[in-house]
């Protein structure tokens, strides 16, 4: 597998808001402010020219880092909270393919993931183009429908999600939309759709402070926990 460029960015995390700096040999290409109080900075690197890297920030700072390839396969991710690295296992049963999705309107996928803490899981699902295009902040996106289930090796469900996303063709990546996540008892709604795009030279390019829905997020955090809350 090609050398990855995730870990060096931890040393290059910006000290002040609005000053995202990519690792050496890398170039920032896009900043996306989204609902749900998070902002993502995307960048490319000379060592992995066909891949796209992303660093997500919430109000507390960077919390998640990922790398996808030209087909939007999730090659590697890093949880900055606990330091866990998750990688795509070699030889997927049915690799995710944005090219197949764009060509036929549908792409099924089946692959496995491994974490450096020993955990292993299997993912099956699909992406489907809805036939609609959406323009957000001057950027044209293809609307998609998706569904996936992640299980452990014994078949126990770890995660399930369904909903809608957006496919951006350049740089090629999926962006969140409205979704539902199964918590074991009910489907919980989420809305993380993009609101503002910034490219090199634009106001807000390189921002590291999210700006949308943050007051709502803080309000939820400040509310007292309900009795018998299940978390």
C-alpha atoms as a PDB file:
ATOM      1  CA  UNK A   1       0.000   0.000   0.000  1.00  0.00           C
ATOM      2  CA  UNK A   2       1.175   3.526  -0.715  1.00  0.00           C
ATOM      3  CA  UNK A   3       2.591   5.588   2.170  1.00  0.00           C
ATOM      4  CA  UNK A   4      -0.095   7.593   3.936  1.00  0.00           C
ATOM      5  CA  UNK A   5       0.005  11.220   4.996  1.00  0.00           C
ATOM      6  CA  UNK A   6      -2.372  11.247   7.958  1.00  0.00           C
ATOM      7  CA  UNK A   7      -0.218  11.291  11.052  1.00  0.00           C
ATOM      8  CA  UNK A   8       2.078  14.220  10.128  1.00  0.00           C
ATOM      9  CA  UNK A   9      -0.898  16.568  10.098  1.00  0.00           C
ATOM     10  CA  UNK A  10      -1.325  16.129  13.840  1.00  0.00           C
ATOM     11  CA  UNK A  11       1.922  18.038  14.217  1.00  0.00           C
ATOM     12  CA  UNK A  12       0.763  20.721  11.790  1.00  0.00           C
ATOM     13  CA  UNK A  13      -2.616  21.445  13.357  1.00  0.00           C
ATOM     14  CA  UNK A  14      -3.266  25.193  13.360  1.00  0.00           C
ATOM     15  CA  UNK A  15      -2.813  27.092  16.604  1.00  0.00           C
ATOM     16  CA  UNK A  16      -5.392  29.739  15.732  1.00  0.00           C
ATOM     17  CA  UNK A  17      -8.745  29.593  13.967  1.00  0.00           C
ATOM     18  CA  UNK A  18      -8.665  30.211  10.248  1.00  0.00           C
ATOM     19  CA  UNK A  19      -5.079  29.108   9.730  1.00  0.00           C
ATOM     20  CA  UNK A  20      -5.257  25.562   8.381  1.00  0.00           C
ATOM     21  CA  UNK A  21      -1.854  24.443   7.125  1.00  0.00           C
ATOM     22  CA  UNK A  22      -1.436  21.203   5.206  1.00  0.00           C
ATOM     23  CA  UNK A  23       1.582  18.939   5.869  1.00  0.00           C
ATOM     24  CA  UNK A  24       4.765  19.415   3.855  1.00  0.00           C
ATOM     25  CA  UNK A  25       4.295  18.265   0.283  1.00  0.00           C
ATOM     26  CA  UNK A  26       0.537  18.815   0.442  1.00  0.00           C
ATOM     27  CA  UNK A  27      -1.783  21.518  -0.880  1.00  0.00           C
ATOM     28  CA  UNK A  28      -5.178  22.582   0.532  1.00  0.00           C
ATOM     29  CA  UNK A  29      -7.885  22.576  -2.140  1.00  0.00           C
ATOM     30  CA  UNK A  30     -11.262  23.206  -0.464  1.00  0.00           C
ATOM     31  CA  UNK A  31     -12.958  24.198   2.780  1.00  0.00           C
ATOM     32  CA  UNK A  32     -16.567  23.180   3.457  1.00  0.00           C
ATOM     33  CA  UNK A  33     -18.708  24.591   6.267  1.00  0.00           C
ATOM     34  CA  UNK A  34     -21.593  22.257   7.102  1.00  0.00           C
ATOM     35  CA  UNK A  35     -24.662  21.985   9.275  1.00  0.00           C
ATOM     36  CA  UNK A  36     -24.100  20.355  12.641  1.00  0.00           C
ATOM     37  CA  UNK A  37     -21.262  22.702  13.622  1.00  0.00           C
ATOM     38  CA  UNK A  38     -18.294  21.285  11.753  1.00  0.00           C
ATOM     39  CA  UNK A  39     -15.930  22.440   9.040  1.00  0.00           C
ATOM     40  CA  UNK A  40     -13.737  20.264   6.810  1.00  0.00           C
ATOM     41  CA  UNK A  41     -10.497  21.156   5.070  1.00  0.00           C
ATOM     42  CA  UNK A  42      -9.553  19.032   2.049  1.00  0.00           C
ATOM     43  CA  UNK A  43      -6.044  18.685   0.661  1.00  0.00           C
ATOM     44  CA  UNK A  44      -3.968  16.674  -1.808  1.00  0.00           C
ATOM     45  CA  UNK A  45      -0.390  15.443  -1.443  1.00  0.00           C
ATOM     46  CA  UNK A  46       2.478  14.805  -3.829  1.00  0.00           C
ATOM     47  CA  UNK A  47       3.104  11.388  -2.263  1.00  0.00           C
ATOM     48  CA  UNK A  48      -0.473  10.291  -3.020  1.00  0.00           C
ATOM     49  CA  UNK A  49      -1.537  12.419  -6.017  1.00  0.00           C
ATOM     50  CA  UNK A  50      -4.740  10.465  -6.763  1.00  0.00           C
ATOM     51  CA  UNK A  51      -6.014  10.582  -3.178  1.00  0.00           C
ATOM     52  CA  UNK A  52      -7.953  13.201  -1.250  1.00  0.00           C
ATOM     53  CA  UNK A  53      -7.368  13.968   2.418  1.00  0.00           C
ATOM     54  CA  UNK A  54      -9.749  15.649   4.855  1.00  0.00           C
ATOM     55  CA  UNK A  55      -9.465  17.113   8.343  1.00  0.00           C
ATOM     56  CA  UNK A  56     -12.668  17.856  10.280  1.00  0.00           C
ATOM     57  CA  UNK A  57     -13.013  20.449  13.044  1.00  0.00           C
ATOM     58  CA  UNK A  58     -15.708  21.110  15.598  1.00  0.00           C
ATOM     59  CA  UNK A  59     -15.739  23.926  18.167  1.00  0.00           C
ATOM     60  CA  UNK A  60     -13.037  22.195  20.195  1.00  0.00           C
ATOM     61  CA  UNK A  61     -10.611  21.743  17.296  1.00  0.00           C
ATOM     62  CA  UNK A  62      -9.664  18.917  14.912  1.00  0.00           C
ATOM     63  CA  UNK A  63     -11.367  15.604  15.663  1.00  0.00           C
ATOM     64  CA  UNK A  64     -11.269  13.388  12.561  1.00  0.00           C
ATOM     65  CA  UNK A  65      -8.933  12.829   9.640  1.00  0.00           C
ATOM     66  CA  UNK A  66      -9.410  10.660   6.562  1.00  0.00           C
ATOM     67  CA  UNK A  67      -8.027   9.642   3.199  1.00  0.00           C
ATOM     68  CA  UNK A  68     -10.025   8.431   0.185  1.00  0.00           C
ATOM     69  CA  UNK A  69      -8.869   7.343  -3.248  1.00  0.00           C
ATOM     70  CA  UNK A  70     -10.057   8.469  -6.687  1.00  0.00           C
ATOM     71  CA  UNK A  71     -13.022   6.050  -6.439  1.00  0.00           C
ATOM     72  CA  UNK A  72     -13.970   7.515  -3.036  1.00  0.00           C
ATOM     73  CA  UNK A  73     -12.970   4.338  -1.194  1.00  0.00           C
ATOM     74  CA  UNK A  74     -12.207   5.041   2.477  1.00  0.00           C
ATOM     75  CA  UNK A  75      -8.543   4.029   2.575  1.00  0.00           C
ATOM     76  CA  UNK A  76      -7.653   5.222   6.068  1.00  0.00           C
ATOM     77  CA  UNK A  77      -9.121   7.294   8.877  1.00  0.00           C
ATOM     78  CA  UNK A  78      -7.861   8.594  12.190  1.00  0.00           C
ATOM     79  CA  UNK A  79      -9.991   9.390  15.227  1.00  0.00           C
ATOM     80  CA  UNK A  80      -8.101  12.245  16.873  1.00  0.00           C
ATOM     81  CA  UNK A  81     -10.019  11.702  20.100  1.00  0.00           C
ATOM     82  CA  UNK A  82      -8.707   8.240  20.950  1.00  0.00           C
ATOM     83  CA  UNK A  83      -5.980   7.977  18.302  1.00  0.00           C
ATOM     84  CA  UNK A  84      -7.520   4.899  16.652  1.00  0.00           C
ATOM     85  CA  UNK A  85      -6.526   4.315  13.021  1.00  0.00           C
ATOM     86  CA  UNK A  86      -8.893   2.381  10.741  1.00  0.00           C
ATOM     87  CA  UNK A  87      -7.811   1.058   7.334  1.00  0.00           C
ATOM     88  CA  UNK A  88      -9.460  -0.631   4.382  1.00  0.00           C
ATOM     89  CA  UNK A  89      -8.578  -4.330   4.146  1.00  0.00           C
ATOM     90  CA  UNK A  90      -6.916  -5.477   0.905  1.00  0.00           C
ATOM     91  CA  UNK A  91      -8.952  -7.110  -1.873  1.00  0.00           C
ATOM     92  CA  UNK A  92     -12.498  -5.914  -1.092  1.00  0.00           C
ATOM     93  CA  UNK A  93     -15.300  -8.262  -2.162  1.00  0.00           C
ATOM     94  CA  UNK A  94     -16.990  -5.410  -4.049  1.00  0.00           C
ATOM     95  CA  UNK A  95     -14.991  -2.154  -3.966  1.00  0.00           C
ATOM     96  CA  UNK A  96     -16.874   1.129  -3.771  1.00  0.00           C
ATOM     97  CA  UNK A  97     -16.614   2.927  -7.109  1.00  0.00           C
ATOM     98  CA  UNK A  98     -17.719   6.465  -7.861  1.00  0.00           C
ATOM     99  CA  UNK A  99     -16.964   5.787 -11.542  1.00  0.00           C
ATOM    100  CA  UNK A 100     -19.491   2.931 -11.574  1.00  0.00           C
ATOM    101  CA  UNK A 101     -22.021   5.125  -9.786  1.00  0.00           C
ATOM    102  CA  UNK A 102     -21.630   7.923 -12.325  1.00  0.00           C
ATOM    103  CA  UNK A 103     -21.771   5.499 -15.263  1.00  0.00           C
ATOM    104  CA  UNK A 104     -24.812   3.442 -14.229  1.00  0.00           C
ATOM    105  CA  UNK A 105     -26.491   5.413 -11.453  1.00  0.00           C
ATOM    106  CA  UNK A 106     -25.931   2.627  -8.901  1.00  0.00           C
ATOM    107  CA  UNK A 107     -22.973   1.167  -7.033  1.00  0.00           C
ATOM    108  CA  UNK A 108     -23.113  -1.656  -4.512  1.00  0.00           C
ATOM    109  CA  UNK A 109     -20.166  -2.258  -2.194  1.00  0.00           C
ATOM    110  CA  UNK A 110     -18.861  -4.858   0.231  1.00  0.00           C
ATOM    111  CA  UNK A 111     -15.556  -4.457   2.041  1.00  0.00           C
ATOM    112  CA  UNK A 112     -13.856  -4.990   5.379  1.00  0.00           C
ATOM    113  CA  UNK A 113     -12.128  -2.597   7.780  1.00  0.00           C
ATOM    114  CA  UNK A 114      -9.491  -3.114  10.451  1.00  0.00           C
ATOM    115  CA  UNK A 115      -8.528  -0.898  13.391  1.00  0.00           C
ATOM    116  CA  UNK A 116      -5.103  -0.796  14.972  1.00  0.00           C
ATOM    117  CA  UNK A 117      -6.719  -1.799  18.292  1.00  0.00           C
ATOM    118  CA  UNK A 118      -7.609  -5.211  16.840  1.00  0.00           C
ATOM    119  CA  UNK A 119     -11.247  -4.536  15.932  1.00  0.00           C
ATOM    120  CA  UNK A 120     -12.494  -5.804  12.572  1.00  0.00           C
ATOM    121  CA  UNK A 121     -15.757  -5.138  10.733  1.00  0.00           C
ATOM    122  CA  UNK A 122     -17.543  -5.767   7.453  1.00  0.00           C
ATOM    123  CA  UNK A 123     -19.539  -3.196   5.490  1.00  0.00           C
ATOM    124  CA  UNK A 124     -22.225  -3.791   2.853  1.00  0.00           C
ATOM    125  CA  UNK A 125     -24.423  -1.232   1.155  1.00  0.00           C
ATOM    126  CA  UNK A 126     -25.077   0.874  -1.906  1.00  0.00           C
ATOM    127  CA  UNK A 127     -25.032   4.361  -3.377  1.00  0.00           C
ATOM    128  CA  UNK A 128     -27.626   5.452  -5.944  1.00  0.00           C
ATOM    129  CA  UNK A 129     -27.949   8.652  -7.953  1.00  0.00           C
ATOM    130  CA  UNK A 130     -31.389  10.201  -7.546  1.00  0.00           C
ATOM    131  CA  UNK A 131     -31.172  11.951 -10.933  1.00  0.00           C
ATOM    132  CA  UNK A 132     -31.299  15.358  -9.277  1.00  0.00           C
ATOM    133  CA  UNK A 133     -28.586  17.982  -9.114  1.00  0.00           C
ATOM    134  CA  UNK A 134     -28.406  20.556  -6.339  1.00  0.00           C
ATOM    135  CA  UNK A 135     -26.511  23.839  -6.338  1.00  0.00           C
ATOM    136  CA  UNK A 136     -25.212  24.970  -2.943  1.00  0.00           C
ATOM    137  CA  UNK A 137     -23.187  28.171  -2.657  1.00  0.00           C
ATOM    138  CA  UNK A 138     -22.612  28.093  -6.415  1.00  0.00           C
ATOM    139  CA  UNK A 139     -21.322  24.493  -6.424  1.00  0.00           C
ATOM    140  CA  UNK A 140     -23.233  21.862  -8.401  1.00  0.00           C
ATOM    141  CA  UNK A 141     -23.671  18.542  -6.607  1.00  0.00           C
ATOM    142  CA  UNK A 142     -25.287  15.256  -7.591  1.00  0.00           C
ATOM    143  CA  UNK A 143     -27.879  14.084  -5.085  1.00  0.00           C
ATOM    144  CA  UNK A 144     -27.534  10.470  -3.952  1.00  0.00           C
ATOM    145  CA  UNK A 145     -29.323   7.927  -1.826  1.00  0.00           C
ATOM    146  CA  UNK A 146     -27.318   5.490   0.291  1.00  0.00           C
ATOM    147  CA  UNK A 147     -27.678   2.704   2.798  1.00  0.00           C
ATOM    148  CA  UNK A 148     -25.137   0.556   4.606  1.00  0.00           C
ATOM    149  CA  UNK A 149     -24.787  -1.907   7.456  1.00  0.00           C
ATOM    150  CA  UNK A 150     -21.555  -2.569   9.363  1.00  0.00           C
ATOM    151  CA  UNK A 151     -21.224  -5.845  11.261  1.00  0.00           C
ATOM    152  CA  UNK A 152     -18.558  -7.644  13.255  1.00  0.00           C
ATOM    153  CA  UNK A 153     -17.217 -11.022  12.156  1.00  0.00           C
ATOM    154  CA  UNK A 154     -20.011 -12.794  14.055  1.00  0.00           C
ATOM    155  CA  UNK A 155     -22.684 -10.884  12.159  1.00  0.00           C
ATOM    156  CA  UNK A 156     -23.642  -8.559  14.996  1.00  0.00           C
ATOM    157  CA  UNK A 157     -24.735  -5.143  13.736  1.00  0.00           C
ATOM    158  CA  UNK A 158     -22.358  -2.375  14.782  1.00  0.00           C
ATOM    159  CA  UNK A 159     -23.783   0.491  12.710  1.00  0.00           C
ATOM    160  CA  UNK A 160     -26.559   1.117  10.242  1.00  0.00           C
ATOM    161  CA  UNK A 161     -27.216   4.276   8.311  1.00  0.00           C
ATOM    162  CA  UNK A 162     -29.425   5.399   5.447  1.00  0.00           C
ATOM    163  CA  UNK A 163     -30.276   8.668   3.815  1.00  0.00           C
ATOM    164  CA  UNK A 164     -29.060  11.125   1.221  1.00  0.00           C
ATOM    165  CA  UNK A 165     -25.666  12.546   0.376  1.00  0.00           C
ATOM    166  CA  UNK A 166     -24.135  14.707  -2.332  1.00  0.00           C
ATOM    167  CA  UNK A 167     -21.441  13.702  -4.805  1.00  0.00           C
ATOM    168  CA  UNK A 168     -18.995  16.432  -5.754  1.00  0.00           C
ATOM    169  CA  UNK A 169     -17.132  15.528  -8.931  1.00  0.00           C
ATOM    170  CA  UNK A 170     -14.068  17.748  -8.452  1.00  0.00           C
ATOM    171  CA  UNK A 171     -12.471  17.140  -6.071  1.00  0.00           C
ATOM    172  CA  UNK A 172     -14.340  13.846  -6.157  1.00  0.00           C
ATOM    173  CA  UNK A 173     -15.883  13.175  -2.766  1.00  0.00           C
ATOM    174  CA  UNK A 174     -19.175  12.512  -1.012  1.00  0.00           C
ATOM    175  CA  UNK A 175     -20.631  15.179   1.272  1.00  0.00           C
ATOM    176  CA  UNK A 176     -23.150  14.562   4.027  1.00  0.00           C
ATOM    177  CA  UNK A 177     -26.829  15.330   3.643  1.00  0.00           C
ATOM    178  CA  UNK A 178     -29.803  14.244   5.742  1.00  0.00           C
ATOM    179  CA  UNK A 179     -29.482  10.777   7.228  1.00  0.00           C
ATOM    180  CA  UNK A 180     -30.758   8.367   9.839  1.00  0.00           C
ATOM    181  CA  UNK A 181     -28.594   6.275  12.155  1.00  0.00           C
ATOM    182  CA  UNK A 182     -29.856   3.175  13.963  1.00  0.00           C
ATOM    183  CA  UNK A 183     -28.976   3.207  17.671  1.00  0.00           C
ATOM    184  CA  UNK A 184     -30.291  -0.281  18.339  1.00  0.00           C
ATOM    185  CA  UNK A 185     -33.793   0.888  19.175  1.00  0.00           C
ATOM    186  CA  UNK A 186     -34.726   3.723  16.837  1.00  0.00           C
ATOM    187  CA  UNK A 187     -33.585   5.660  13.767  1.00  0.00           C
ATOM    188  CA  UNK A 188     -32.004   8.961  14.819  1.00  0.00           C
ATOM    189  CA  UNK A 189     -32.104  11.825  12.263  1.00  0.00           C
ATOM    190  CA  UNK A 190     -29.025  13.882  11.420  1.00  0.00           C
ATOM    191  CA  UNK A 191     -28.415  16.810   9.083  1.00  0.00           C
ATOM    192  CA  UNK A 192     -24.844  17.551   8.026  1.00  0.00           C
ATOM    193  CA  UNK A 193     -25.371  18.996   4.587  1.00  0.00           C
ATOM    194  CA  UNK A 194     -22.869  21.544   3.237  1.00  0.00           C
ATOM    195  CA  UNK A 195     -23.716  25.241   3.409  1.00  0.00           C
ATOM    196  CA  UNK A 196     -20.616  27.151   2.335  1.00  0.00           C
ATOM    197  CA  UNK A 197     -17.762  26.232  -0.027  1.00  0.00           C
ATOM    198  CA  UNK A 198     -14.445  28.075  -0.140  1.00  0.00           C
ATOM    199  CA  UNK A 199     -11.678  27.470  -2.670  1.00  0.00           C
ATOM    200  CA  UNK A 200      -8.202  29.040  -2.883  1.00  0.00           C
ATOM    201  CA  UNK A 201      -8.589  32.814  -2.836  1.00  0.00           C
ATOM    202  CA  UNK A 202     -12.125  32.731  -1.395  1.00  0.00           C
ATOM    203  CA  UNK A 203     -13.120  34.220   1.927  1.00  0.00           C
ATOM    204  CA  UNK A 204     -13.256  31.428   4.486  1.00  0.00           C
ATOM    205  CA  UNK A 205     -10.717  29.212   2.729  1.00  0.00           C
ATOM    206  CA  UNK A 206      -8.698  27.390   5.393  1.00  0.00           C
ATOM    207  CA  UNK A 207     -11.195  28.177   8.176  1.00  0.00           C
ATOM    208  CA  UNK A 208     -10.928  25.950  11.229  1.00  0.00           C
ATOM    209  CA  UNK A 209     -13.861  27.341  13.209  1.00  0.00           C
ATOM    210  CA  UNK A 210     -17.332  25.978  12.295  1.00  0.00           C
ATOM    211  CA  UNK A 211     -20.080  28.562  11.980  1.00  0.00           C
ATOM    212  CA  UNK A 212     -23.400  26.783  11.309  1.00  0.00           C
ATOM    213  CA  UNK A 213     -25.662  25.342  14.048  1.00  0.00           C
ATOM    214  CA  UNK A 214     -23.004  25.807  16.713  1.00  0.00           C
ATOM    215  CA  UNK A 215     -25.302  27.687  19.088  1.00  0.00           C
ATOM    216  CA  UNK A 216     -27.793  24.819  18.833  1.00  0.00           C
ATOM    217  CA  UNK A 217     -25.052  22.297  19.556  1.00  0.00           C
ATOM    218  CA  UNK A 218     -23.900  24.251  22.614  1.00  0.00           C
ATOM    219  CA  UNK A 219     -27.474  24.585  23.831  1.00  0.00           C
ATOM    220  CA  UNK A 220     -27.889  20.807  23.722  1.00  0.00           C
ATOM    221  CA  UNK A 221     -24.633  20.321  25.608  1.00  0.00           C
ATOM    222  CA  UNK A 222     -25.712  22.712  28.360  1.00  0.00           C
ATOM    223  CA  UNK A 223     -29.067  21.023  28.958  1.00  0.00           C
ATOM    224  CA  UNK A 224     -29.244  18.737  32.021  1.00  0.00           C
ATOM    225  CA  UNK A 225     -29.175  15.036  31.211  1.00  0.00           C
ATOM    226  CA  UNK A 226     -32.595  13.375  31.410  1.00  0.00           C
ATOM    227  CA  UNK A 227     -33.138  10.747  34.075  1.00  0.00           C
ATOM    228  CA  UNK A 228     -32.332   7.168  32.985  1.00  0.00           C
ATOM    229  CA  UNK A 229     -30.597   8.457  29.861  1.00  0.00           C
ATOM    230  CA  UNK A 230     -29.159   5.630  27.808  1.00  0.00           C
ATOM    231  CA  UNK A 231     -25.730   6.550  26.401  1.00  0.00           C
END
